[in-house]
Amino acid sequence: MKRTCADLHLCVDPNDVERVSRVVSKASRLGYALVAVPFPPRLDEAVVGKVRKECEEFGTELVSRVDLRPRTTEDLLSGLRRLRRRFEVVAVMCESKHVARQAAKDRRVDVLNFPLLDFRRRFFDAAEAELASSSLVSLEVDMGPLLRLEGVARVKLLSNLRREVATAKDFRVPIVVSSGVADEMLMRKPAELVALASLFDLSGVSALDAVSSNPVTIVRRNQGKLDHGFVAPGIRVIRRGRDC
């Protein structure tokens, strides 16, 4: 069976229609059937409609995503309450350990992303992995930094990624590999991302899942929850009316 490949982190400005068109066009040519674009927390439906239309023209499905960057756990909880029902993918950009811990145990979070701010501040460890394993939260690895960095910086990043991926696998935390780029020149085919993932010891079926079934599972699960008929996992409204 042919896999549906997805890029959950195309970091293009949704208001830049020309750039969106170029990036989505290339994503389609590279073989992605589904892409996610981060939108501002104050979601503008008109902008979403324009981006969705661009995607449809190239035969690609658009997924709405929000990247939360909370400074405190209170900020995180507030953001989740306001935004969970508005976006198909909710990502938390973990810039502190206490935020990462809270995000890892919250079922309203879809992916944990650790931005490349400082190698000493990458802290996806066993504690986060254990929490994430029981809350359906995935670890997202952006390939953009790996493509941009050179020399010692790239070696350090690979060392961190090997440790984080090994920890995720030990606790059976799903891994999502995304591009994390805004420049179409840095975009790569799904097969190329799979090959690059072998550099941090993610290979074979696990690497294929990271660019296909894992991200697609997140999207389909949330689309079901956002449906008007959703009540709770396994419970849906089939028909409304006095004769029900």
C-alpha atoms as a PDB file:
ATOM      1  CA  MET A   1       0.000   0.000   0.000  1.00  0.00           C
ATOM      2  CA  LYS A   2       1.253   3.451  -0.919  1.00  0.00           C
ATOM      3  CA  ARG A   3       1.986   5.648   2.074  1.00  0.00           C
ATOM      4  CA  THR A   4       0.546   9.128   2.519  1.00  0.00           C
ATOM      5  CA  CYS A   5       3.503  11.403   3.203  1.00  0.00           C
ATOM      6  CA  ALA A   6       3.117  14.520   5.324  1.00  0.00           C
ATOM      7  CA  ASP A   7       5.161  17.540   6.316  1.00  0.00           C
ATOM      8  CA  LEU A   8       3.688  18.942   9.512  1.00  0.00           C
ATOM      9  CA  HIS A   9       5.962  21.981   9.742  1.00  0.00           C
ATOM     10  CA  LEU A  10       6.263  24.140   6.642  1.00  0.00           C
ATOM     11  CA  CYS A  11       7.223  27.413   8.305  1.00  0.00           C
ATOM     12  CA  VAL A  12       5.970  29.738   5.585  1.00  0.00           C
ATOM     13  CA  ASP A  13       4.192  32.998   6.416  1.00  0.00           C
ATOM     14  CA  PRO A  14       0.530  32.281   5.535  1.00  0.00           C
ATOM     15  CA  ASN A  15       0.032  35.951   4.597  1.00  0.00           C
ATOM     16  CA  ASP A  16       2.722  35.730   1.902  1.00  0.00           C
ATOM     17  CA  VAL A  17       0.555  34.261  -0.849  1.00  0.00           C
ATOM     18  CA  GLU A  18       3.359  34.122  -3.434  1.00  0.00           C
ATOM     19  CA  ARG A  19       5.696  32.252  -1.081  1.00  0.00           C
ATOM     20  CA  VAL A  20       2.897  29.914  -0.009  1.00  0.00           C
ATOM     21  CA  SER A  21       2.200  29.060  -3.646  1.00  0.00           C
ATOM     22  CA  ARG A  22       5.860  28.260  -4.343  1.00  0.00           C
ATOM     23  CA  VAL A  23       6.301  26.158  -1.220  1.00  0.00           C
ATOM     24  CA  VAL A  24       3.067  24.210  -1.626  1.00  0.00           C
ATOM     25  CA  SER A  25       3.790  23.614  -5.295  1.00  0.00           C
ATOM     26  CA  LYS A  26       7.163  22.158  -4.466  1.00  0.00           C
ATOM     27  CA  ALA A  27       5.744  20.069  -1.609  1.00  0.00           C
ATOM     28  CA  SER A  28       3.310  18.536  -4.072  1.00  0.00           C
ATOM     29  CA  ARG A  29       6.060  17.806  -6.599  1.00  0.00           C
ATOM     30  CA  LEU A  30       8.201  16.219  -3.901  1.00  0.00           C
ATOM     31  CA  GLY A  31       5.409  13.798  -3.024  1.00  0.00           C
ATOM     32  CA  TYR A  32       3.664  15.274   0.033  1.00  0.00           C
ATOM     33  CA  ALA A  33      -0.090  14.726   0.077  1.00  0.00           C
ATOM     34  CA  LEU A  34      -0.576  16.626   3.335  1.00  0.00           C
ATOM     35  CA  VAL A  35       1.152  19.722   4.730  1.00  0.00           C
ATOM     36  CA  ALA A  36       0.712  21.764   7.882  1.00  0.00           C
ATOM     37  CA  VAL A  37       1.363  25.496   8.029  1.00  0.00           C
ATOM     38  CA  PRO A  38       1.660  27.321  11.389  1.00  0.00           C
ATOM     39  CA  PHE A  39      -0.963  30.041  11.710  1.00  0.00           C
ATOM     40  CA  PRO A  40      -1.064  32.844  14.312  1.00  0.00           C
ATOM     41  CA  PRO A  41      -3.108  32.061  17.451  1.00  0.00           C
ATOM     42  CA  ARG A  42      -5.671  34.622  16.305  1.00  0.00           C
ATOM     43  CA  LEU A  43      -6.762  32.530  13.384  1.00  0.00           C
ATOM     44  CA  ASP A  44      -7.949  34.497  10.361  1.00  0.00           C
ATOM     45  CA  GLU A  45     -10.361  32.241   8.490  1.00  0.00           C
ATOM     46  CA  ALA A  46      -9.956  34.295   5.306  1.00  0.00           C
ATOM     47  CA  VAL A  47      -6.199  33.659   5.293  1.00  0.00           C
ATOM     48  CA  VAL A  48      -6.748  29.964   6.000  1.00  0.00           C
ATOM     49  CA  GLY A  49      -9.153  29.842   3.084  1.00  0.00           C
ATOM     50  CA  LYS A  50      -6.585  31.364   0.726  1.00  0.00           C
ATOM     51  CA  VAL A  51      -3.864  28.930   1.787  1.00  0.00           C
ATOM     52  CA  ARG A  52      -6.276  26.001   1.574  1.00  0.00           C
ATOM     53  CA  LYS A  53      -7.224  27.039  -1.952  1.00  0.00           C
ATOM     54  CA  GLU A  54      -3.551  27.154  -2.970  1.00  0.00           C
ATOM     55  CA  CYS A  55      -3.061  23.663  -1.579  1.00  0.00           C
ATOM     56  CA  GLU A  56      -6.133  22.293  -3.348  1.00  0.00           C
ATOM     57  CA  GLU A  57      -4.864  23.605  -6.679  1.00  0.00           C
ATOM     58  CA  PHE A  58      -1.762  21.447  -6.268  1.00  0.00           C
ATOM     59  CA  GLY A  59      -3.657  18.416  -4.955  1.00  0.00           C
ATOM     60  CA  THR A  60      -2.316  18.782  -1.412  1.00  0.00           C
ATOM     61  CA  GLU A  61      -4.337  18.780   1.802  1.00  0.00           C
ATOM     62  CA  LEU A  62      -3.777  21.715   4.160  1.00  0.00           C
ATOM     63  CA  VAL A  63      -3.696  21.214   7.921  1.00  0.00           C
ATOM     64  CA  SER A  64      -3.969  24.155  10.292  1.00  0.00           C
ATOM     65  CA  ARG A  65      -1.296  24.236  12.978  1.00  0.00           C
ATOM     66  CA  VAL A  66      -0.387  26.527  15.848  1.00  0.00           C
ATOM     67  CA  ASP A  67       3.071  26.734  17.452  1.00  0.00           C
ATOM     68  CA  LEU A  68       2.706  27.686  21.106  1.00  0.00           C
ATOM     69  CA  ARG A  69       5.738  29.317  22.727  1.00  0.00           C
ATOM     70  CA  PRO A  70       4.707  29.593  26.386  1.00  0.00           C
ATOM     71  CA  ARG A  71       7.107  31.016  28.921  1.00  0.00           C
ATOM     72  CA  THR A  72       5.334  29.429  31.869  1.00  0.00           C
ATOM     73  CA  THR A  73       3.080  26.456  32.488  1.00  0.00           C
ATOM     74  CA  GLU A  74       0.248  28.898  33.139  1.00  0.00           C
ATOM     75  CA  ASP A  75       0.760  30.409  29.683  1.00  0.00           C
ATOM     76  CA  LEU A  76       0.679  26.922  28.203  1.00  0.00           C
ATOM     77  CA  LEU A  77      -2.545  25.893  29.930  1.00  0.00           C
ATOM     78  CA  SER A  78      -4.207  29.164  28.981  1.00  0.00           C
ATOM     79  CA  GLY A  79      -3.197  28.747  25.349  1.00  0.00           C
ATOM     80  CA  LEU A  80      -4.443  25.168  25.208  1.00  0.00           C
ATOM     81  CA  ARG A  81      -7.826  26.141  26.633  1.00  0.00           C
ATOM     82  CA  ARG A  82      -8.249  28.866  24.015  1.00  0.00           C
ATOM     83  CA  LEU A  83      -6.804  27.176  20.950  1.00  0.00           C
ATOM     84  CA  ARG A  84      -7.173  23.395  21.107  1.00  0.00           C
ATOM     85  CA  ARG A  85     -10.565  23.407  19.383  1.00  0.00           C
ATOM     86  CA  ARG A  86      -9.421  25.783  16.634  1.00  0.00           C
ATOM     87  CA  PHE A  87      -6.429  23.966  15.154  1.00  0.00           C
ATOM     88  CA  GLU A  88      -5.858  20.498  13.749  1.00  0.00           C
ATOM     89  CA  VAL A  89      -2.307  20.315  15.113  1.00  0.00           C
ATOM     90  CA  VAL A  90      -1.132  21.930  18.344  1.00  0.00           C
ATOM     91  CA  ALA A  91       2.642  22.041  18.798  1.00  0.00           C
ATOM     92  CA  VAL A  92       4.527  23.293  21.821  1.00  0.00           C
ATOM     93  CA  MET A  93       7.931  24.822  21.204  1.00  0.00           C
ATOM     94  CA  CYS A  94       9.684  23.766  24.393  1.00  0.00           C
ATOM     95  CA  GLU A  95      12.121  26.429  25.528  1.00  0.00           C
ATOM     96  CA  SER A  96      12.216  25.473  29.208  1.00  0.00           C
ATOM     97  CA  LYS A  97      12.112  22.204  31.129  1.00  0.00           C
ATOM     98  CA  HIS A  98       9.017  23.014  33.182  1.00  0.00           C
ATOM     99  CA  VAL A  99       7.044  23.859  30.037  1.00  0.00           C
ATOM    100  CA  ALA A 100       8.259  20.657  28.365  1.00  0.00           C
ATOM    101  CA  ARG A 101       7.162  18.560  31.352  1.00  0.00           C
ATOM    102  CA  GLN A 102       3.696  20.110  31.423  1.00  0.00           C
ATOM    103  CA  ALA A 103       3.259  19.802  27.653  1.00  0.00           C
ATOM    104  CA  ALA A 104       4.383  16.167  27.657  1.00  0.00           C
ATOM    105  CA  LYS A 105       1.610  15.110  30.021  1.00  0.00           C
ATOM    106  CA  ASP A 106      -1.218  17.125  28.463  1.00  0.00           C
ATOM    107  CA  ARG A 107      -3.386  15.215  25.976  1.00  0.00           C
ATOM    108  CA  ARG A 108      -4.325  18.458  24.236  1.00  0.00           C
ATOM    109  CA  VAL A 109      -0.751  18.708  22.906  1.00  0.00           C
ATOM    110  CA  ASP A 110       0.107  16.866  19.696  1.00  0.00           C
ATOM    111  CA  VAL A 111       3.846  17.370  19.286  1.00  0.00           C
ATOM    112  CA  LEU A 112       6.802  18.542  21.336  1.00  0.00           C
ATOM    113  CA  ASN A 113       9.336  20.537  19.359  1.00  0.00           C
ATOM    114  CA  PHE A 114      12.679  21.602  20.805  1.00  0.00           C
ATOM    115  CA  PRO A 115      13.911  24.708  18.928  1.00  0.00           C
ATOM    116  CA  LEU A 116      17.617  25.045  18.303  1.00  0.00           C
ATOM    117  CA  LEU A 117      18.330  27.881  20.746  1.00  0.00           C
ATOM    118  CA  ASP A 118      21.197  26.420  22.722  1.00  0.00           C
ATOM    119  CA  PHE A 119      22.478  22.839  22.665  1.00  0.00           C
ATOM    120  CA  ARG A 120      22.527  22.884  26.460  1.00  0.00           C
ATOM    121  CA  ARG A 121      18.806  23.662  26.483  1.00  0.00           C
ATOM    122  CA  ARG A 122      17.713  20.572  24.575  1.00  0.00           C
ATOM    123  CA  PHE A 123      16.208  18.523  27.349  1.00  0.00           C
ATOM    124  CA  PHE A 124      13.958  15.795  25.994  1.00  0.00           C
ATOM    125  CA  ASP A 125      14.848  13.154  28.545  1.00  0.00           C
ATOM    126  CA  ALA A 126      13.343  10.076  30.164  1.00  0.00           C
ATOM    127  CA  ALA A 127      11.029  12.184  32.338  1.00  0.00           C
ATOM    128  CA  GLU A 128       9.409  13.896  29.335  1.00  0.00           C
ATOM    129  CA  ALA A 129       9.346  10.633  27.375  1.00  0.00           C
ATOM    130  CA  GLU A 130       7.575   8.743  30.142  1.00  0.00           C
ATOM    131  CA  LEU A 131       4.920  11.448  30.412  1.00  0.00           C
ATOM    132  CA  ALA A 132       4.496  11.659  26.629  1.00  0.00           C
ATOM    133  CA  SER A 133       4.141   7.889  26.283  1.00  0.00           C
ATOM    134  CA  SER A 134       0.904   7.938  28.279  1.00  0.00           C
ATOM    135  CA  SER A 135      -0.611  11.063  26.692  1.00  0.00           C
ATOM    136  CA  LEU A 136      -0.290  10.409  22.921  1.00  0.00           C
ATOM    137  CA  VAL A 137       2.204  13.272  22.516  1.00  0.00           C
ATOM    138  CA  SER A 138       4.808  12.878  19.760  1.00  0.00           C
ATOM    139  CA  LEU A 139       8.381  14.136  19.478  1.00  0.00           C
ATOM    140  CA  GLU A 140       8.908  16.285  16.389  1.00  0.00           C
ATOM    141  CA  VAL A 141      12.320  16.547  14.740  1.00  0.00           C
ATOM    142  CA  ASP A 142      12.794  19.459  12.333  1.00  0.00           C
ATOM    143  CA  MET A 143      15.339  18.777   9.596  1.00  0.00           C
ATOM    144  CA  GLY A 144      15.933  22.441   8.775  1.00  0.00           C
ATOM    145  CA  PRO A 145      18.666  23.010  11.385  1.00  0.00           C
ATOM    146  CA  LEU A 146      20.442  19.830  10.330  1.00  0.00           C
ATOM    147  CA  LEU A 147      20.569  21.082   6.736  1.00  0.00           C
ATOM    148  CA  ARG A 148      21.714  24.595   7.646  1.00  0.00           C
ATOM    149  CA  LEU A 149      24.375  23.859  10.258  1.00  0.00           C
ATOM    150  CA  GLU A 150      27.950  22.888   9.475  1.00  0.00           C
ATOM    151  CA  GLY A 151      31.005  21.521  11.261  1.00  0.00           C
ATOM    152  CA  VAL A 152      30.965  21.220  15.052  1.00  0.00           C
ATOM    153  CA  ALA A 153      27.455  22.650  15.387  1.00  0.00           C
ATOM    154  CA  ARG A 154      26.029  19.915  13.164  1.00  0.00           C
ATOM    155  CA  VAL A 155      27.954  17.230  15.066  1.00  0.00           C
ATOM    156  CA  LYS A 156      26.538  18.504  18.372  1.00  0.00           C
ATOM    157  CA  LEU A 157      23.018  18.561  16.978  1.00  0.00           C
ATOM    158  CA  LEU A 158      23.317  14.998  15.686  1.00  0.00           C
ATOM    159  CA  SER A 159      24.603  13.857  19.065  1.00  0.00           C
ATOM    160  CA  ASN A 160      21.590  15.411  20.791  1.00  0.00           C
ATOM    161  CA  LEU A 161      19.164  13.985  18.241  1.00  0.00           C
ATOM    162  CA  ARG A 162      20.587  10.477  18.657  1.00  0.00           C
ATOM    163  CA  ARG A 163      20.056  10.695  22.404  1.00  0.00           C
ATOM    164  CA  GLU A 164      16.537  12.143  22.107  1.00  0.00           C
ATOM    165  CA  VAL A 165      15.408   9.650  19.470  1.00  0.00           C
ATOM    166  CA  ALA A 166      16.813   6.738  21.466  1.00  0.00           C
ATOM    167  CA  THR A 167      14.915   7.962  24.532  1.00  0.00           C
ATOM    168  CA  ALA A 168      11.691   8.313  22.532  1.00  0.00           C
ATOM    169  CA  LYS A 169      12.055   4.786  21.152  1.00  0.00           C
ATOM    170  CA  ASP A 170      12.729   3.366  24.631  1.00  0.00           C
ATOM    171  CA  PHE A 171       9.400   4.781  25.837  1.00  0.00           C
ATOM    172  CA  ARG A 172       7.552   4.156  22.547  1.00  0.00           C
ATOM    173  CA  VAL A 173       6.914   7.841  21.949  1.00  0.00           C
ATOM    174  CA  PRO A 174       5.904   8.401  18.295  1.00  0.00           C
ATOM    175  CA  ILE A 175       8.438  10.420  16.295  1.00  0.00           C
ATOM    176  CA  VAL A 176       7.478  12.891  13.580  1.00  0.00           C
ATOM    177  CA  VAL A 177      10.082  14.120  11.106  1.00  0.00           C
ATOM    178  CA  SER A 178       9.209  17.482   9.534  1.00  0.00           C
ATOM    179  CA  SER A 179      11.076  19.959   7.371  1.00  0.00           C
ATOM    180  CA  GLY A 180      10.798  22.980   9.661  1.00  0.00           C
ATOM    181  CA  VAL A 181      11.841  25.231   6.770  1.00  0.00           C
ATOM    182  CA  ALA A 182      10.449  28.322   5.055  1.00  0.00           C
ATOM    183  CA  ASP A 183      12.803  28.258   2.063  1.00  0.00           C
ATOM    184  CA  GLU A 184      11.754  25.902  -0.730  1.00  0.00           C
ATOM    185  CA  MET A 185      15.436  25.357  -1.568  1.00  0.00           C
ATOM    186  CA  LEU A 186      15.783  23.421   1.702  1.00  0.00           C
ATOM    187  CA  MET A 187      12.778  21.197   1.118  1.00  0.00           C
ATOM    188  CA  ARG A 188      13.518  17.514   0.564  1.00  0.00           C
ATOM    189  CA  LYS A 189      11.614  14.487  -0.701  1.00  0.00           C
ATOM    190  CA  PRO A 190      10.156  12.137   1.945  1.00  0.00           C
ATOM    191  CA  ALA A 191      12.690   9.474   0.916  1.00  0.00           C
ATOM    192  CA  GLU A 192      15.517  11.973   1.457  1.00  0.00           C
ATOM    193  CA  LEU A 193      14.228  12.816   4.935  1.00  0.00           C
ATOM    194  CA  VAL A 194      14.123   9.112   5.685  1.00  0.00           C
ATOM    195  CA  ALA A 195      17.754   8.814   4.578  1.00  0.00           C
ATOM    196  CA  LEU A 196      18.806  11.822   6.666  1.00  0.00           C
ATOM    197  CA  ALA A 197      17.012  10.367   9.693  1.00  0.00           C
ATOM    198  CA  SER A 198      19.449   7.454   9.642  1.00  0.00           C
ATOM    199  CA  LEU A 199      22.130   9.942  10.742  1.00  0.00           C
ATOM    200  CA  PHE A 200      20.492  10.049  14.173  1.00  0.00           C
ATOM    201  CA  ASP A 201      19.727   6.325  14.259  1.00  0.00           C
ATOM    202  CA  LEU A 202      16.150   6.456  13.008  1.00  0.00           C
ATOM    203  CA  SER A 203      15.940   4.071  10.102  1.00  0.00           C
ATOM    204  CA  GLY A 204      13.856   1.462   8.339  1.00  0.00           C
ATOM    205  CA  VAL A 205      10.142   1.300   9.101  1.00  0.00           C
ATOM    206  CA  SER A 206      10.495   3.748  12.003  1.00  0.00           C
ATOM    207  CA  ALA A 207      11.849   6.447   9.694  1.00  0.00           C
ATOM    208  CA  LEU A 208       9.124   5.806   7.111  1.00  0.00           C
ATOM    209  CA  ASP A 209       6.464   6.029   9.825  1.00  0.00           C
ATOM    210  CA  ALA A 210       7.934   9.356  10.974  1.00  0.00           C
ATOM    211  CA  VAL A 211       7.138  11.008   7.617  1.00  0.00           C
ATOM    212  CA  SER A 212       3.874   9.215   6.932  1.00  0.00           C
ATOM    213  CA  SER A 213       1.718   7.224   9.342  1.00  0.00           C
ATOM    214  CA  ASN A 214       2.743   9.063  12.535  1.00  0.00           C
ATOM    215  CA  PRO A 215       1.904  12.599  11.354  1.00  0.00           C
ATOM    216  CA  VAL A 216      -1.166  11.423   9.434  1.00  0.00           C
ATOM    217  CA  THR A 217      -2.477   9.636  12.529  1.00  0.00           C
ATOM    218  CA  ILE A 218      -2.232  12.882  14.523  1.00  0.00           C
ATOM    219  CA  VAL A 219      -4.148  14.808  11.878  1.00  0.00           C
ATOM    220  CA  ARG A 220      -6.927  12.250  11.384  1.00  0.00           C
ATOM    221  CA  ARG A 221      -7.415  11.838  15.124  1.00  0.00           C
ATOM    222  CA  ASN A 222      -7.820  15.570  15.603  1.00  0.00           C
ATOM    223  CA  GLN A 223     -10.030  16.035  12.577  1.00  0.00           C
ATOM    224  CA  GLY A 224     -12.365  13.504  14.129  1.00  0.00           C
ATOM    225  CA  LYS A 225     -12.375  15.412  17.416  1.00  0.00           C
ATOM    226  CA  LEU A 226     -13.073  18.712  15.675  1.00  0.00           C
ATOM    227  CA  ASP A 227     -16.063  17.236  13.861  1.00  0.00           C
ATOM    228  CA  HIS A 228     -19.403  18.568  15.135  1.00  0.00           C
ATOM    229  CA  GLY A 229     -20.581  15.047  15.895  1.00  0.00           C
ATOM    230  CA  PHE A 230     -17.697  14.250  18.230  1.00  0.00           C
ATOM    231  CA  VAL A 231     -18.612  13.786  21.909  1.00  0.00           C
ATOM    232  CA  ALA A 232     -15.767  11.688  23.317  1.00  0.00           C
ATOM    233  CA  PRO A 233     -13.405   8.987  22.015  1.00  0.00           C
ATOM    234  CA  GLY A 234     -15.679   6.268  20.625  1.00  0.00           C
ATOM    235  CA  ILE A 235     -18.838   8.377  21.033  1.00  0.00           C
ATOM    236  CA  ARG A 236     -20.360  10.375  18.170  1.00  0.00           C
ATOM    237  CA  VAL A 237     -23.693  12.028  17.483  1.00  0.00           C
ATOM    238  CA  ILE A 238     -25.218  10.286  14.464  1.00  0.00           C
ATOM    239  CA  ARG A 239     -28.519  12.144  14.325  1.00  0.00           C
ATOM    240  CA  ARG A 240     -30.187  14.929  16.241  1.00  0.00           C
ATOM    241  CA  GLY A 241     -33.914  15.390  16.737  1.00  0.00           C
ATOM    242  CA  ARG A 242     -36.877  14.548  18.889  1.00  0.00           C
ATOM    243  CA  ASP A 243     -37.188  11.032  17.475  1.00  0.00           C
ATOM    244  CA  CYS A 244     -33.630  10.065  18.455  1.00  0.00           C
END
